[in-house]
Amino acid sequence: MKEQETKNSLVKKEEVKAIQLTNSIDESDRVKKFTTIDINDKKDANMLVNGMQKPDHYLKDFVDQVIECVGCYVVARDNDSFNEDTGETVTRTKHILVLFDVNGKSYLTGSQMCYRAFSDITSINGLPSKENHVKFKPINISAEEKGHNFLSLVVVD
């Protein structure tokens, strides 16, 4: 077996279809949305819409609790801010993450650290779906020098 073939065979990820969502109201490149929820299934599509509009829970209220995730909805939105000291406009991407559990409940967060952890975890374990359950546990990471905590995620067996 060639070295390249060996490297590729070491990590196998579940193939999960992520659906890019668009609408005619906001066609800009500044907002990107995707989901792993099957929008062709009426029940799942309704779960997604309800989770987008009125999530069941805030992820921060479930610190140290395991959530068996079967789907996600992610929004990436460019946000401009003006730096008065330099006179420059800085663009940062803000993320919204909604996780869906095995019972159809939704968990919302706007934590950027949490989004980065989700991205890292799913790049290795694959995106959550009905076929690929991923167990997450929200955790708080202390930032004592800044006087607050950051919300993040770890993966659980």
Protein backbone atom coordinates (compact mmCIF):
# COMPACT_ATOMS: atom_id res chain seq x y z
CA MET A 1 0.00 0.00 0.00
CA LYS A 2 1.34 3.43 -0.89
CA GLU A 3 1.95 6.03 1.83
CA GLN A 4 -0.88 8.28 0.55
CA GLU A 5 -3.35 5.38 0.57
CA THR A 6 -2.35 4.53 4.14
CA LYS A 7 -2.92 8.11 5.32
CA ASN A 8 -6.37 8.25 3.71
CA SER A 9 -7.47 4.92 5.18
CA LEU A 10 -6.63 5.85 8.77
CA VAL A 11 -9.54 8.22 9.29
CA LYS A 12 -12.99 7.31 8.06
CA LYS A 13 -15.77 9.84 8.44
CA GLU A 14 -19.45 9.21 7.99
CA GLU A 15 -20.64 10.83 4.79
CA VAL A 16 -23.32 13.30 5.85
CA LYS A 17 -25.17 15.54 3.47
CA ALA A 18 -25.16 19.15 4.56
CA ILE A 19 -27.75 21.27 2.80
CA GLN A 20 -26.86 24.86 1.93
CA LEU A 21 -29.90 27.05 2.63
CA THR A 22 -30.67 30.20 0.66
CA ASN A 23 -33.65 32.42 0.15
CA SER A 24 -34.60 35.26 -2.14
CA ILE A 25 -34.62 37.83 0.66
CA ASP A 26 -30.92 37.66 1.48
CA GLU A 27 -28.81 36.62 -1.49
CA SER A 28 -25.64 38.28 -0.21
CA ASP A 29 -22.40 36.44 0.37
CA ARG A 30 -22.37 37.89 3.88
CA VAL A 31 -24.77 35.28 5.27
CA LYS A 32 -24.28 31.55 4.87
CA LYS A 33 -26.58 28.88 6.30
CA PHE A 34 -26.48 25.11 6.28
CA THR A 35 -28.14 22.18 8.01
CA THR A 36 -27.84 18.42 8.27
CA ILE A 37 -31.59 18.11 8.94
CA ASP A 38 -33.53 16.38 6.16
CA ILE A 39 -35.73 19.22 4.90
CA ASN A 40 -37.57 16.81 2.59
CA ASP A 41 -39.07 15.11 5.66
CA LYS A 42 -41.99 17.30 6.84
CA LYS A 43 -41.55 16.47 10.54
CA ASP A 44 -37.80 17.17 10.43
CA ALA A 45 -38.31 20.34 8.36
CA ASN A 46 -40.78 21.65 10.96
CA MET A 47 -38.32 20.77 13.75
CA LEU A 48 -35.66 22.79 11.92
CA VAL A 49 -37.89 25.82 11.37
CA ASN A 50 -39.04 25.79 14.99
CA GLY A 51 -35.46 25.41 16.21
CA MET A 52 -34.41 28.36 14.04
CA GLN A 53 -37.24 30.63 15.22
CA LYS A 54 -37.76 29.58 18.85
CA PRO A 55 -35.19 27.13 20.17
CA ASP A 56 -36.21 24.90 23.06
CA HIS A 57 -33.07 25.63 25.11
CA TYR A 58 -29.97 27.74 25.36
CA LEU A 59 -26.85 25.58 25.24
CA LYS A 60 -25.31 27.52 28.17
CA ASP A 61 -28.04 26.10 30.45
CA PHE A 62 -26.80 22.54 29.78
CA VAL A 63 -23.17 22.80 30.89
CA ASP A 64 -21.72 19.38 31.80
CA GLN A 65 -24.77 17.55 30.40
CA VAL A 66 -24.47 15.18 27.44
CA ILE A 67 -26.51 16.02 24.34
CA GLU A 68 -26.84 13.24 21.77
CA CYS A 69 -26.93 15.31 18.61
CA VAL A 70 -28.62 14.12 15.39
CA GLY A 71 -28.59 17.37 13.44
CA CYS A 72 -27.39 20.93 13.30
CA TYR A 73 -28.17 24.31 11.80
CA VAL A 74 -25.33 26.80 11.35
CA VAL A 75 -25.42 30.46 10.32
CA ALA A 76 -22.27 32.42 9.49
CA ARG A 77 -22.87 36.16 9.20
CA ASP A 78 -20.25 38.79 8.43
CA ASN A 79 -20.49 41.68 10.87
CA ASP A 80 -18.75 45.03 10.28
CA SER A 81 -17.51 47.15 13.15
CA PHE A 82 -15.81 50.53 12.99
CA ASN A 83 -12.58 51.00 14.94
CA GLU A 84 -12.60 54.63 16.06
CA ASP A 85 -8.90 54.58 16.97
CA THR A 86 -7.68 53.45 13.53
CA GLY A 87 -10.60 54.60 11.39
CA GLU A 88 -10.82 51.14 9.85
CA THR A 89 -13.82 48.94 9.37
CA VAL A 90 -13.17 45.42 10.59
CA THR A 91 -15.26 42.49 9.39
CA ARG A 92 -15.71 39.53 11.72
CA THR A 93 -17.79 36.45 11.08
CA LYS A 94 -20.35 35.69 13.78
CA HIS A 95 -21.80 32.20 14.08
CA ILE A 96 -25.09 30.87 15.35
CA LEU A 97 -25.23 27.17 16.11
CA VAL A 98 -28.37 25.15 16.80
CA LEU A 99 -27.98 21.51 17.80
CA PHE A 100 -30.85 19.01 17.65
CA ASP A 101 -31.00 16.02 19.98
CA VAL A 102 -32.53 12.55 19.59
CA ASN A 103 -35.81 13.83 21.07
CA GLY A 104 -36.11 16.69 18.57
CA LYS A 105 -35.17 19.38 21.11
CA SER A 106 -33.06 22.31 19.94
CA TYR A 107 -30.14 24.03 21.71
CA LEU A 108 -28.98 27.50 20.62
CA THR A 109 -25.67 29.26 21.11
CA GLY A 110 -23.92 32.27 19.62
CA SER A 111 -20.63 31.43 21.33
CA GLN A 112 -17.76 31.71 18.88
CA MET A 113 -15.57 29.40 20.97
CA CYS A 114 -18.38 26.85 20.99
CA TYR A 115 -18.70 27.10 17.20
CA ARG A 116 -14.93 26.59 16.78
CA ALA A 117 -15.04 23.50 19.02
CA PHE A 118 -18.03 22.18 17.03
CA SER A 119 -16.10 22.74 13.80
CA ASP A 120 -13.02 20.94 15.16
CA ILE A 121 -15.05 18.00 16.51
CA THR A 122 -17.10 17.53 13.35
CA SER A 123 -14.05 17.77 11.09
CA ILE A 124 -12.89 14.55 12.76
CA ASN A 125 -16.14 12.83 13.80
CA GLY A 126 -18.33 13.99 10.93
CA LEU A 127 -21.40 16.19 11.07
CA PRO A 128 -24.27 15.05 13.31
CA SER A 129 -27.15 13.34 11.53
CA LYS A 130 -29.69 10.57 12.05
CA GLU A 131 -27.05 8.15 10.78
CA ASN A 132 -24.14 9.71 12.68
CA HIS A 133 -25.06 10.66 16.24
CA VAL A 134 -22.43 12.83 17.93
CA LYS A 135 -22.51 13.22 21.71
CA PHE A 136 -21.48 16.69 22.85
CA LYS A 137 -21.04 18.09 26.34
CA PRO A 138 -21.06 21.88 26.75
CA ILE A 139 -18.36 23.09 29.14
CA ASN A 140 -17.34 26.41 30.66
CA ILE A 141 -13.76 27.54 30.25
CA SER A 142 -12.69 30.15 32.76
CA ALA A 143 -11.03 33.34 31.58
CA GLU A 144 -10.09 34.65 35.02
CA GLU A 145 -8.03 37.57 33.73
CA LYS A 146 -11.05 38.76 31.73
CA GLY A 147 -13.52 38.02 34.53
CA HIS A 148 -15.88 35.68 32.65
CA ASN A 149 -16.28 32.22 31.15
CA PHE A 150 -16.35 30.92 27.60
CA LEU A 151 -18.77 28.24 26.45
CA SER A 152 -17.20 25.39 24.53
CA LEU A 153 -17.95 21.79 23.56
CA VAL A 154 -16.22 18.46 24.09
CA VAL A 155 -17.13 15.17 22.46
CA VAL A 156 -18.23 12.26 24.64
CA ASP A 157 -18.15 8.51 23.91
